[in-house]
Amino acid sequence: MAKKKKTTGAVAEITKEEASQVATSPEKMEPLNPEVADEEKARPEGTEWFVIHSYSGYENKVQKNLLHRIESMEMQDKIFQVVVPTEEEVELKDGHRRTIERRVFPGYILVEMIMDEDSWYVVRNTPGVTGFVGFGNKPTPLRPDEVDKILKRMDAEAPKIKVSFKVGQKVRIVEGPFEDFMGTVDEIDLDRARVRVLVSFFGRETPIELDFLQVERV
């Protein structure tokens, strides 16, 4: 049994804007799949998701430390999941596509648990954990819809594409019949990985649709 300690210790303070960033995803909310929903229903009463804070770049190490503590201190009946939210991202660099795994909320880790003095002590005193996210001295649980949004974002089939240019910026065409022409980004289509560039021909702008790899920011 873990050593008891009151939950009035330090709690990581964040602004309302930071809390909103952790909980909000631009994608449309949809319910979790039936298997996940059944798993959630099977959890004991009082189970909630909390957010803990760690130093950015050490999320995976903290996750490993906490999982080890859960097992060694036999807290599997109160702490169920430790999740580092990530998503796949396609990065375009030097004319090449590279798929990378990006942390959605650097420095934040999600923990599904029943909050009491024992479970608080195990999580809070894990090496690398700087505190629970909350207001005042009380850890604040995430709402179910907030958790659904984050988990759905992690399960997205299509990786997010990261581009280095924005609408209105100058770019150079690096491939194709218009190679070395300069133009202005008019529209970006992330779903099709295409960009429309306005190129000047004889004093008038002509729109040209290109692949992301065919242009580079000036």
Protein backbone atom coordinates (compact mmCIF):
# COMPACT_ATOMS: atom_id res chain seq x y z
CA MET A 1 0.00 0.00 0.00
CA ALA A 2 1.32 3.39 -0.94
CA LYS A 3 2.19 5.86 1.76
CA LYS A 4 -0.64 8.31 2.32
CA LYS A 5 -0.19 11.97 1.87
CA LYS A 6 -2.76 14.75 1.74
CA THR A 7 -3.55 16.17 -1.67
CA THR A 8 -2.92 19.75 -0.62
CA GLY A 9 0.57 19.76 -2.08
CA ALA A 10 1.81 21.75 -5.05
CA VAL A 11 -0.38 21.68 -8.13
CA ALA A 12 0.89 22.91 -11.49
CA GLU A 13 -0.78 26.26 -12.13
CA ILE A 14 -1.78 27.04 -15.70
CA THR A 15 -3.70 29.86 -17.29
CA LYS A 16 -7.18 29.41 -18.72
CA GLU A 17 -5.67 29.70 -22.20
CA GLU A 18 -3.25 26.82 -21.51
CA ALA A 19 -6.02 24.67 -20.10
CA SER A 20 -8.09 25.34 -23.20
CA GLN A 21 -5.17 24.36 -25.44
CA VAL A 22 -4.76 21.01 -23.69
CA ALA A 23 -8.45 20.20 -23.89
CA THR A 24 -9.40 21.61 -27.29
CA SER A 25 -8.95 20.11 -30.75
CA PRO A 26 -10.21 21.75 -33.95
CA GLU A 27 -11.68 18.51 -35.23
CA LYS A 28 -15.38 17.73 -34.98
CA MET A 29 -16.32 15.74 -31.88
CA GLU A 30 -17.39 12.16 -32.43
CA PRO A 31 -17.97 9.40 -29.87
CA LEU A 32 -15.27 6.84 -29.22
CA ASN A 33 -15.56 3.49 -30.95
CA PRO A 34 -17.68 0.82 -29.17
CA GLU A 35 -14.67 -1.13 -27.88
CA VAL A 36 -13.24 1.94 -26.14
CA ALA A 37 -16.69 2.89 -24.88
CA ASP A 38 -17.17 -0.58 -23.36
CA GLU A 39 -13.76 -0.35 -21.71
CA GLU A 40 -14.66 3.02 -20.22
CA LYS A 41 -17.95 1.61 -18.86
CA ALA A 42 -16.03 -1.16 -17.15
CA ARG A 43 -14.00 1.31 -15.08
CA PRO A 44 -14.86 1.62 -11.38
CA GLU A 45 -17.01 4.52 -10.26
CA GLY A 46 -14.98 7.68 -9.70
CA THR A 47 -12.56 7.07 -12.56
CA GLU A 48 -11.54 10.30 -14.29
CA TRP A 49 -8.81 11.64 -16.55
CA PHE A 50 -6.29 14.08 -15.11
CA VAL A 51 -3.39 15.96 -16.68
CA ILE A 52 0.07 16.03 -15.16
CA HIS A 53 2.90 18.33 -16.12
CA SER A 54 6.49 17.36 -16.83
CA TYR A 55 9.48 18.98 -18.45
CA SER A 56 9.06 19.18 -22.21
CA GLY A 57 10.99 16.42 -23.96
CA TYR A 58 10.82 14.04 -20.99
CA GLU A 59 7.21 12.90 -21.44
CA ASN A 60 8.06 9.33 -22.51
CA LYS A 61 10.55 8.89 -19.68
CA VAL A 62 8.01 10.16 -17.14
CA GLN A 63 5.39 7.80 -18.59
CA LYS A 64 7.78 4.87 -18.15
CA ASN A 65 8.62 5.93 -14.58
CA LEU A 66 4.95 6.19 -13.65
CA LEU A 67 4.03 2.84 -15.19
CA HIS A 68 6.85 1.25 -13.19
CA ARG A 69 5.61 2.85 -9.96
CA ILE A 70 2.04 1.72 -10.63
CA GLU A 71 3.25 -1.87 -10.93
CA SER A 72 5.75 -1.84 -8.07
CA MET A 73 3.29 -0.15 -5.68
CA GLU A 74 0.37 -2.32 -6.85
CA MET A 75 -1.85 0.58 -7.87
CA GLN A 76 -3.36 -1.04 -10.96
CA ASP A 77 -6.80 -0.91 -9.32
CA LYS A 78 -6.67 2.90 -9.08
CA ILE A 79 -4.42 4.09 -11.94
CA PHE A 80 -5.40 2.61 -15.29
CA GLN A 81 -3.78 4.44 -18.21
CA VAL A 82 -0.87 6.83 -18.76
CA VAL A 83 -1.02 8.49 -22.17
CA VAL A 84 1.40 10.85 -23.94
CA PRO A 85 -0.79 12.45 -26.66
CA THR A 86 0.95 12.24 -30.04
CA GLU A 87 -0.01 12.44 -33.70
CA GLU A 88 1.73 11.59 -36.97
CA GLU A 89 2.88 14.52 -39.05
CA VAL A 90 4.31 14.60 -42.57
CA GLU A 91 7.17 17.08 -42.75
CA LEU A 92 8.32 18.46 -46.08
CA LYS A 93 11.98 19.37 -46.04
CA ASP A 94 14.62 19.67 -48.78
CA GLY A 95 12.25 18.12 -51.32
CA HIS A 96 11.55 15.02 -49.22
CA ARG A 97 8.59 13.79 -47.18
CA ARG A 98 9.30 12.53 -43.70
CA THR A 99 6.73 11.12 -41.28
CA ILE A 100 7.42 12.06 -37.69
CA GLU A 101 5.58 11.54 -34.41
CA ARG A 102 4.81 14.87 -32.78
CA ARG A 103 3.65 15.48 -29.23
CA VAL A 104 0.28 17.19 -29.32
CA PHE A 105 0.76 18.93 -25.96
CA PRO A 106 4.47 19.12 -25.07
CA GLY A 107 5.02 18.81 -21.34
CA TYR A 108 1.61 17.28 -20.61
CA ILE A 109 0.63 13.67 -19.89
CA LEU A 110 -2.86 12.22 -19.40
CA VAL A 111 -3.59 9.82 -16.55
CA GLU A 112 -6.81 7.83 -16.13
CA MET A 113 -7.25 7.19 -12.41
CA ILE A 114 -9.39 7.25 -9.31
CA MET A 115 -8.17 10.27 -7.36
CA ASP A 116 -7.51 9.69 -3.66
CA GLU A 117 -4.59 10.27 -1.31
CA ASP A 118 -2.79 7.07 -2.32
CA SER A 119 -3.08 7.50 -6.08
CA TRP A 120 -2.23 11.22 -5.83
CA TYR A 121 0.93 10.37 -3.90
CA VAL A 122 2.05 7.73 -6.43
CA VAL A 123 1.58 10.04 -9.42
CA ARG A 124 2.76 13.29 -7.87
CA ASN A 125 5.99 11.78 -6.54
CA THR A 126 6.97 10.08 -9.78
CA PRO A 127 10.38 11.34 -10.96
CA GLY A 128 9.88 14.01 -13.61
CA VAL A 129 6.32 14.96 -12.62
CA THR A 130 6.16 18.62 -11.62
CA GLY A 131 2.51 18.62 -10.62
CA PHE A 132 -1.11 18.11 -11.57
CA VAL A 133 -2.86 20.57 -13.83
CA GLY A 134 -5.54 22.44 -11.94
CA PHE A 135 -6.60 25.70 -10.38
CA GLY A 136 -5.56 26.41 -6.81
CA ASN A 137 -4.49 23.30 -4.91
CA LYS A 138 -6.99 20.88 -6.47
CA PRO A 139 -6.23 18.73 -9.55
CA THR A 140 -8.93 19.36 -12.15
CA PRO A 141 -10.28 16.37 -14.12
CA LEU A 142 -10.92 16.64 -17.84
CA ARG A 143 -14.49 16.52 -19.09
CA PRO A 144 -15.41 13.32 -21.03
CA ASP A 145 -15.84 15.27 -24.28
CA GLU A 146 -12.35 16.77 -23.86
CA VAL A 147 -10.85 13.28 -23.46
CA ASP A 148 -12.77 12.03 -26.51
CA LYS A 149 -11.38 14.85 -28.66
CA ILE A 150 -7.78 14.17 -27.63
CA LEU A 151 -8.00 10.38 -28.12
CA LYS A 152 -9.76 10.82 -31.47
CA ARG A 153 -7.00 13.15 -32.60
CA MET A 154 -4.42 10.49 -31.72
CA ASP A 155 -6.35 7.82 -33.66
CA ALA A 156 -6.62 9.86 -36.86
CA GLU A 157 -5.72 7.68 -39.86
CA ALA A 158 -4.33 10.41 -42.10
CA PRO A 159 -1.19 12.11 -40.79
CA LYS A 160 -1.17 15.88 -40.54
CA ILE A 161 0.94 17.64 -43.18
CA LYS A 162 3.31 20.35 -42.02
CA VAL A 163 4.24 23.01 -44.58
CA SER A 164 6.70 25.87 -44.24
CA PHE A 165 4.71 28.43 -46.24
CA LYS A 166 1.43 30.28 -45.71
CA VAL A 167 -1.16 32.01 -47.87
CA GLY A 168 0.23 35.32 -49.10
CA GLN A 169 3.89 34.31 -48.82
CA LYS A 170 6.38 34.30 -51.69
CA VAL A 171 7.56 30.90 -52.91
CA ARG A 172 9.85 29.55 -55.62
CA ILE A 173 8.77 26.71 -57.90
CA VAL A 174 11.54 24.09 -57.76
CA GLU A 175 10.18 21.40 -60.09
CA GLY A 176 8.19 21.08 -63.29
CA PRO A 177 7.74 23.30 -66.36
CA PHE A 178 7.62 26.45 -64.21
CA GLU A 179 10.85 25.72 -62.35
CA ASP A 180 12.58 28.83 -60.92
CA PHE A 181 9.45 30.97 -61.32
CA MET A 182 8.48 33.05 -58.31
CA GLY A 183 4.91 33.31 -57.13
CA THR A 184 2.56 34.01 -54.24
CA VAL A 185 0.67 31.31 -52.33
CA ASP A 186 -3.05 31.77 -53.02
CA GLU A 187 -4.52 28.61 -51.48
CA ILE A 188 -3.33 25.56 -49.53
CA ASP A 189 -5.19 22.22 -49.70
CA LEU A 190 -3.89 20.04 -46.86
CA ASP A 191 -6.18 17.11 -47.73
CA ARG A 192 -4.76 16.81 -51.26
CA ALA A 193 -1.26 18.10 -50.41
CA ARG A 194 -1.62 20.70 -53.16
CA VAL A 195 -0.94 24.43 -53.28
CA ARG A 196 -2.21 27.07 -55.70
CA VAL A 197 0.40 29.66 -56.60
CA LEU A 198 -0.17 32.91 -58.46
CA VAL A 199 2.61 33.37 -61.04
CA SER A 200 3.05 36.52 -63.11
CA PHE A 201 3.00 36.04 -66.89
CA PHE A 202 3.32 39.13 -69.12
CA GLY A 203 2.04 41.43 -66.42
CA ARG A 204 -0.91 39.33 -65.24
CA GLU A 205 -1.18 36.73 -62.46
CA THR A 206 -2.00 33.16 -63.46
CA PRO A 207 -2.96 30.49 -60.89
CA ILE A 208 -0.95 27.24 -61.03
CA GLU A 209 -1.74 24.18 -58.91
CA LEU A 210 1.30 22.31 -57.65
CA ASP A 211 2.32 19.57 -55.24
CA PHE A 212 3.75 20.73 -51.91
CA LEU A 213 7.13 19.31 -52.91
CA GLN A 214 7.25 21.48 -56.02
CA VAL A 215 7.55 24.75 -54.12
CA GLU A 216 9.73 26.19 -51.39
CA ARG A 217 9.44 29.32 -49.31
CA VAL A 218 11.68 32.17 -50.36
